[in-house]
C-alpha cells in the first residue's frame, strides 16, 4: 500500500470521519459542565490540606474520573456538589498521608504565600501579609474538625453538606463554625 500524506487519504476513511465527528455523550457533557463549575473551588479545598499544587491537580483529576464512573454506573445524582467535595476530601487526605510518608510536606503558610496576589502598594502588602499570617495562625491552632468545617464553608457548602462530608451532626457543624469564626473575628480585631 502506498504511503499517505494526510488524514483524508487514510485507507479507512470512515475511521477518520468518525474521529472528526465524535460527539461527547450526555455523561461526558455533564462531567465537563461540573468540571468547569467546581474545578477551582475543589482545587482550593485540596490545597488547604497542605499538598502541592501538582498533587492537588492530580486529586482533582481523580475526583472527576470518579464522578464519570459514578455517573456511568447510574448511581445517585443527589447532591453532586457535596459528593465532589467528599471525594476531594478523601483523596486529598490520602495524598497528604502518602506525602508525609515519602517527604516533608509544604506548610500551609508557604502555599498561602505562593498563591497570594500582592497589591501594588508595599504598605498594603505588609499589612495584608501580617493580617494573613495572624489569621492563618488562628486557623492552624483550631482543632482539625473545626478547620475542615471552616474550609468547606469557605467553599460555599451549606451546613448540611458540611455535616455529610465530614460525618458530623448538623449541631456540631454549627457550633464548630460559630466558635471558629468568633476566634477569627477576635484575632482580626476589626
C-alpha atoms as a PDB file:
ATOM      1  CA  UNK A   1       0.000   0.000   0.000  1.00  0.00           C
ATOM      2  CA  UNK A   2       1.454   3.448  -0.867  1.00  0.00           C
ATOM      3  CA  UNK A   3       2.219   5.921   1.966  1.00  0.00           C
ATOM      4  CA  UNK A   4      -0.367   8.610   2.648  1.00  0.00           C
ATOM      5  CA  UNK A   5       0.219  12.322   3.255  1.00  0.00           C
ATOM      6  CA  UNK A   6      -2.952  13.383   5.033  1.00  0.00           C
ATOM      7  CA  UNK A   7      -5.678  12.023   7.234  1.00  0.00           C
ATOM      8  CA  UNK A   8      -8.134  12.220   4.351  1.00  0.00           C
ATOM      9  CA  UNK A   9      -6.059   9.730   2.399  1.00  0.00           C
ATOM     10  CA  UNK A  10      -6.118   7.065   5.105  1.00  0.00           C
ATOM     11  CA  UNK A  11      -7.055   3.633   3.843  1.00  0.00           C
ATOM     12  CA  UNK A  12     -10.069   3.649   6.210  1.00  0.00           C
ATOM     13  CA  UNK A  13     -11.822   6.968   5.580  1.00  0.00           C
ATOM     14  CA  UNK A  14     -14.736   6.110   7.874  1.00  0.00           C
ATOM     15  CA  UNK A  15     -12.281   5.948  10.833  1.00  0.00           C
ATOM     16  CA  UNK A  16     -11.045   9.469  10.039  1.00  0.00           C
ATOM     17  CA  UNK A  17     -14.633  10.678   9.701  1.00  0.00           C
ATOM     18  CA  UNK A  18     -15.563   9.073  12.995  1.00  0.00           C
ATOM     19  CA  UNK A  19     -12.627  10.758  14.750  1.00  0.00           C
ATOM     20  CA  UNK A  20     -13.713  14.176  13.469  1.00  0.00           C
ATOM     21  CA  UNK A  21     -17.416  13.735  14.168  1.00  0.00           C
ATOM     22  CA  UNK A  22     -17.203  12.094  17.617  1.00  0.00           C
ATOM     23  CA  UNK A  23     -19.588  13.918  19.925  1.00  0.00           C
ATOM     24  CA  UNK A  24     -19.385  13.689  23.709  1.00  0.00           C
ATOM     25  CA  UNK A  25     -22.005  11.585  25.418  1.00  0.00           C
ATOM     26  CA  UNK A  26     -24.560  13.054  27.828  1.00  0.00           C
ATOM     27  CA  UNK A  27     -22.480  11.895  30.797  1.00  0.00           C
ATOM     28  CA  UNK A  28     -19.315  13.421  29.309  1.00  0.00           C
ATOM     29  CA  UNK A  29     -21.101  16.745  28.797  1.00  0.00           C
ATOM     30  CA  UNK A  30     -22.379  16.682  32.377  1.00  0.00           C
ATOM     31  CA  UNK A  31     -18.919  15.907  33.787  1.00  0.00           C
ATOM     32  CA  UNK A  32     -17.379  18.692  31.678  1.00  0.00           C
ATOM     33  CA  UNK A  33     -20.012  21.127  32.914  1.00  0.00           C
ATOM     34  CA  UNK A  34     -19.418  20.125  36.546  1.00  0.00           C
ATOM     35  CA  UNK A  35     -15.643  20.343  35.995  1.00  0.00           C
ATOM     36  CA  UNK A  36     -15.973  23.901  34.703  1.00  0.00           C
ATOM     37  CA  UNK A  37     -18.166  24.807  37.660  1.00  0.00           C
ATOM     38  CA  UNK A  38     -16.269  23.124  40.534  1.00  0.00           C
ATOM     39  CA  UNK A  39     -12.630  22.768  39.462  1.00  0.00           C
ATOM     40  CA  UNK A  40     -11.368  25.951  41.142  1.00  0.00           C
ATOM     41  CA  UNK A  41     -13.238  25.531  44.463  1.00  0.00           C
ATOM     42  CA  UNK A  42     -12.170  21.871  44.656  1.00  0.00           C
ATOM     43  CA  UNK A  43      -8.573  22.791  43.867  1.00  0.00           C
ATOM     44  CA  UNK A  44      -8.550  25.438  46.617  1.00  0.00           C
ATOM     45  CA  UNK A  45     -10.038  22.911  49.015  1.00  0.00           C
ATOM     46  CA  UNK A  46      -7.440  20.269  48.130  1.00  0.00           C
ATOM     47  CA  UNK A  47      -4.653  22.841  48.543  1.00  0.00           C
ATOM     48  CA  UNK A  48      -5.936  23.693  52.013  1.00  0.00           C
ATOM     49  CA  UNK A  49      -4.723  20.252  53.158  1.00  0.00           C
ATOM     50  CA  UNK A  50      -1.137  21.351  52.559  1.00  0.00           C
ATOM     51  CA  UNK A  51      -0.432  19.266  49.473  1.00  0.00           C
ATOM     52  CA  UNK A  52       1.470  20.664  46.492  1.00  0.00           C
ATOM     53  CA  UNK A  53      -0.292  22.286  43.551  1.00  0.00           C
ATOM     54  CA  UNK A  54       0.726  19.342  41.369  1.00  0.00           C
ATOM     55  CA  UNK A  55      -0.715  16.832  43.847  1.00  0.00           C
ATOM     56  CA  UNK A  56      -3.897  18.901  44.234  1.00  0.00           C
ATOM     57  CA  UNK A  57      -4.389  18.926  40.475  1.00  0.00           C
ATOM     58  CA  UNK A  58      -3.927  15.143  40.437  1.00  0.00           C
ATOM     59  CA  UNK A  59      -6.558  14.869  43.169  1.00  0.00           C
ATOM     60  CA  UNK A  60      -8.994  16.952  41.113  1.00  0.00           C
ATOM     61  CA  UNK A  61      -8.426  14.753  38.070  1.00  0.00           C
ATOM     62  CA  UNK A  62      -9.159  11.684  40.195  1.00  0.00           C
ATOM     63  CA  UNK A  63     -12.305  13.344  41.577  1.00  0.00           C
ATOM     64  CA  UNK A  64     -13.743  13.901  38.110  1.00  0.00           C
ATOM     65  CA  UNK A  65     -12.680  10.478  36.904  1.00  0.00           C
ATOM     66  CA  UNK A  66     -14.549   9.049  39.901  1.00  0.00           C
ATOM     67  CA  UNK A  67     -17.538  11.237  39.030  1.00  0.00           C
ATOM     68  CA  UNK A  68     -17.533   9.902  35.464  1.00  0.00           C
ATOM     69  CA  UNK A  69     -17.502   6.314  36.747  1.00  0.00           C
ATOM     70  CA  UNK A  70     -20.172   7.176  39.325  1.00  0.00           C
ATOM     71  CA  UNK A  71     -22.494   8.562  36.652  1.00  0.00           C
ATOM     72  CA  UNK A  72     -21.754   5.742  34.202  1.00  0.00           C
ATOM     73  CA  UNK A  73     -22.868   3.249  36.833  1.00  0.00           C
ATOM     74  CA  UNK A  74     -26.099   5.258  37.166  1.00  0.00           C
ATOM     75  CA  UNK A  75     -25.568   5.942  40.844  1.00  0.00           C
ATOM     76  CA  UNK A  76     -27.301   8.730  42.742  1.00  0.00           C
ATOM     77  CA  UNK A  77     -27.113  12.233  41.318  1.00  0.00           C
ATOM     78  CA  UNK A  78     -28.452  13.725  44.523  1.00  0.00           C
ATOM     79  CA  UNK A  79     -26.193  16.477  45.918  1.00  0.00           C
ATOM     80  CA  UNK A  80     -23.317  16.042  43.458  1.00  0.00           C
ATOM     81  CA  UNK A  81     -21.596  19.134  44.879  1.00  0.00           C
ATOM     82  CA  UNK A  82     -21.372  17.540  48.308  1.00  0.00           C
ATOM     83  CA  UNK A  83     -20.317  14.253  46.711  1.00  0.00           C
ATOM     84  CA  UNK A  84     -17.498  16.014  44.805  1.00  0.00           C
ATOM     85  CA  UNK A  85     -16.186  17.705  47.943  1.00  0.00           C
ATOM     86  CA  UNK A  86     -16.369  14.446  49.912  1.00  0.00           C
ATOM     87  CA  UNK A  87     -14.344  12.592  47.262  1.00  0.00           C
ATOM     88  CA  UNK A  88     -11.869  15.505  47.096  1.00  0.00           C
ATOM     89  CA  UNK A  89     -11.615  15.447  50.900  1.00  0.00           C
ATOM     90  CA  UNK A  90     -10.818  11.736  50.982  1.00  0.00           C
ATOM     91  CA  UNK A  91      -8.356  11.864  48.084  1.00  0.00           C
ATOM     92  CA  UNK A  92      -6.569  14.942  49.459  1.00  0.00           C
ATOM     93  CA  UNK A  93      -6.168  13.232  52.844  1.00  0.00           C
ATOM     94  CA  UNK A  94      -4.872  10.115  51.121  1.00  0.00           C
ATOM     95  CA  UNK A  95      -2.352  12.212  49.180  1.00  0.00           C
ATOM     96  CA  UNK A  96      -1.322  14.103  52.321  1.00  0.00           C
ATOM     97  CA  UNK A  97      -0.632  10.850  54.182  1.00  0.00           C
ATOM     98  CA  UNK A  98       1.295   9.497  51.198  1.00  0.00           C
ATOM     99  CA  UNK A  99       3.382  12.679  51.069  1.00  0.00           C
ATOM    100  CA  UNK A 100       4.111  12.516  54.799  1.00  0.00           C
ATOM    101  CA  UNK A 101       5.494   9.028  54.356  1.00  0.00           C
ATOM    102  CA  UNK A 102       7.723   9.940  51.423  1.00  0.00           C
ATOM    103  CA  UNK A 103       8.803  13.562  52.000  1.00  0.00           C
ATOM    104  CA  UNK A 104       8.195  16.572  54.187  1.00  0.00           C
ATOM    105  CA  UNK A 105       5.076  18.458  53.076  1.00  0.00           C
ATOM    106  CA  UNK A 106       4.900  22.127  52.229  1.00  0.00           C
ATOM    107  CA  UNK A 107       3.442  24.220  55.034  1.00  0.00           C
ATOM    108  CA  UNK A 108       0.075  25.965  54.732  1.00  0.00           C
ATOM    109  CA  UNK A 109       1.892  29.282  55.039  1.00  0.00           C
ATOM    110  CA  UNK A 110       4.099  28.596  52.008  1.00  0.00           C
ATOM    111  CA  UNK A 111       1.074  27.595  49.933  1.00  0.00           C
ATOM    112  CA  UNK A 112      -0.832  30.699  51.008  1.00  0.00           C
ATOM    113  CA  UNK A 113       2.112  32.945  50.085  1.00  0.00           C
ATOM    114  CA  UNK A 114       2.620  31.140  46.771  1.00  0.00           C
ATOM    115  CA  UNK A 115      -0.943  31.939  45.677  1.00  0.00           C
ATOM    116  CA  UNK A 116      -1.160  35.383  47.246  1.00  0.00           C
ATOM    117  CA  UNK A 117      -1.835  38.135  44.720  1.00  0.00           C
ATOM    118  CA  UNK A 118       0.028  41.175  46.108  1.00  0.00           C
ATOM    119  CA  UNK A 119      -1.308  44.670  45.693  1.00  0.00           C
ATOM    120  CA  UNK A 120       0.920  47.369  44.153  1.00  0.00           C
ATOM    121  CA  UNK A 121       1.254  49.337  47.418  1.00  0.00           C
ATOM    122  CA  UNK A 122       4.068  47.950  49.649  1.00  0.00           C
ATOM    123  CA  UNK A 123       2.453  49.212  52.876  1.00  0.00           C
ATOM    124  CA  UNK A 124      -0.793  47.462  51.998  1.00  0.00           C
ATOM    125  CA  UNK A 125       1.182  44.347  51.130  1.00  0.00           C
ATOM    126  CA  UNK A 126       2.861  44.312  54.530  1.00  0.00           C
ATOM    127  CA  UNK A 127      -0.365  44.988  56.400  1.00  0.00           C
ATOM    128  CA  UNK A 128      -2.215  42.341  54.444  1.00  0.00           C
ATOM    129  CA  UNK A 129       0.596  39.791  54.924  1.00  0.00           C
ATOM    130  CA  UNK A 130       0.651  40.396  58.687  1.00  0.00           C
ATOM    131  CA  UNK A 131      -3.126  40.024  58.885  1.00  0.00           C
ATOM    132  CA  UNK A 132      -2.999  36.888  56.754  1.00  0.00           C
ATOM    133  CA  UNK A 133      -0.281  35.318  58.942  1.00  0.00           C
ATOM    134  CA  UNK A 134      -2.205  36.191  62.113  1.00  0.00           C
ATOM    135  CA  UNK A 135      -5.445  34.660  60.785  1.00  0.00           C
ATOM    136  CA  UNK A 136      -3.616  31.642  59.367  1.00  0.00           C
ATOM    137  CA  UNK A 137      -2.039  31.045  62.792  1.00  0.00           C
ATOM    138  CA  UNK A 138      -5.515  31.116  64.350  1.00  0.00           C
ATOM    139  CA  UNK A 139      -6.829  28.643  61.743  1.00  0.00           C
ATOM    140  CA  UNK A 140      -3.845  26.330  62.263  1.00  0.00           C
ATOM    141  CA  UNK A 141      -4.452  26.389  66.025  1.00  0.00           C
ATOM    142  CA  UNK A 142      -8.053  25.210  65.566  1.00  0.00           C
ATOM    143  CA  UNK A 143      -8.866  21.520  66.041  1.00  0.00           C
ATOM    144  CA  UNK A 144      -8.799  19.507  62.805  1.00  0.00           C
ATOM    145  CA  UNK A 145     -12.592  19.141  62.668  1.00  0.00           C
ATOM    146  CA  UNK A 146     -13.044  22.913  63.028  1.00  0.00           C
ATOM    147  CA  UNK A 147     -10.525  23.528  60.241  1.00  0.00           C
ATOM    148  CA  UNK A 148     -12.411  21.123  57.971  1.00  0.00           C
ATOM    149  CA  UNK A 149     -15.739  22.839  58.669  1.00  0.00           C
ATOM    150  CA  UNK A 150     -14.214  26.247  58.008  1.00  0.00           C
ATOM    151  CA  UNK A 151     -12.589  25.156  54.725  1.00  0.00           C
ATOM    152  CA  UNK A 152     -15.807  23.650  53.386  1.00  0.00           C
ATOM    153  CA  UNK A 153     -17.864  26.672  54.440  1.00  0.00           C
ATOM    154  CA  UNK A 154     -15.328  28.918  52.685  1.00  0.00           C
ATOM    155  CA  UNK A 155     -16.017  26.918  49.517  1.00  0.00           C
ATOM    156  CA  UNK A 156     -19.724  27.698  49.839  1.00  0.00           C
ATOM    157  CA  UNK A 157     -21.052  24.398  51.151  1.00  0.00           C
ATOM    158  CA  UNK A 158     -24.165  24.559  53.317  1.00  0.00           C
ATOM    159  CA  UNK A 159     -24.152  23.262  56.897  1.00  0.00           C
ATOM    160  CA  UNK A 160     -25.946  20.034  55.910  1.00  0.00           C
ATOM    161  CA  UNK A 161     -23.423  19.392  53.139  1.00  0.00           C
ATOM    162  CA  UNK A 162     -20.523  20.010  55.520  1.00  0.00           C
ATOM    163  CA  UNK A 163     -22.077  17.614  58.024  1.00  0.00           C
ATOM    164  CA  UNK A 164     -22.376  14.944  55.325  1.00  0.00           C
ATOM    165  CA  UNK A 165     -18.823  15.447  54.022  1.00  0.00           C
ATOM    166  CA  UNK A 166     -17.201  15.323  57.470  1.00  0.00           C
ATOM    167  CA  UNK A 167     -19.587  12.820  59.048  1.00  0.00           C
ATOM    168  CA  UNK A 168     -20.654  15.233  61.806  1.00  0.00           C
ATOM    169  CA  UNK A 169     -24.029  16.230  63.169  1.00  0.00           C
ATOM    170  CA  UNK A 170     -25.629  19.451  61.986  1.00  0.00           C
ATOM    171  CA  UNK A 171     -25.374  20.900  65.505  1.00  0.00           C
ATOM    172  CA  UNK A 172     -21.663  20.061  65.727  1.00  0.00           C
ATOM    173  CA  UNK A 173     -21.044  21.858  62.419  1.00  0.00           C
ATOM    174  CA  UNK A 174     -22.950  24.913  63.640  1.00  0.00           C
ATOM    175  CA  UNK A 175     -21.052  25.040  66.945  1.00  0.00           C
ATOM    176  CA  UNK A 176     -17.724  24.474  65.206  1.00  0.00           C
ATOM    177  CA  UNK A 177     -18.267  27.270  62.690  1.00  0.00           C
ATOM    178  CA  UNK A 178     -19.573  29.697  65.314  1.00  0.00           C
ATOM    179  CA  UNK A 179     -16.565  29.018  67.549  1.00  0.00           C
ATOM    180  CA  UNK A 180     -14.054  29.232  64.654  1.00  0.00           C
ATOM    181  CA  UNK A 181     -15.481  32.418  63.178  1.00  0.00           C
ATOM    182  CA  UNK A 182     -15.560  34.014  66.637  1.00  0.00           C
ATOM    183  CA  UNK A 183     -11.857  33.286  67.097  1.00  0.00           C
ATOM    184  CA  UNK A 184     -11.051  34.693  63.657  1.00  0.00           C
ATOM    185  CA  UNK A 185     -13.046  37.881  64.316  1.00  0.00           C
ATOM    186  CA  UNK A 186     -11.310  38.409  67.667  1.00  0.00           C
ATOM    187  CA  UNK A 187      -7.882  37.809  66.092  1.00  0.00           C
ATOM    188  CA  UNK A 188      -8.660  40.170  63.225  1.00  0.00           C
ATOM    189  CA  UNK A 189      -9.614  42.976  65.608  1.00  0.00           C
ATOM    190  CA  UNK A 190     -11.722  44.762  63.014  1.00  0.00           C
END
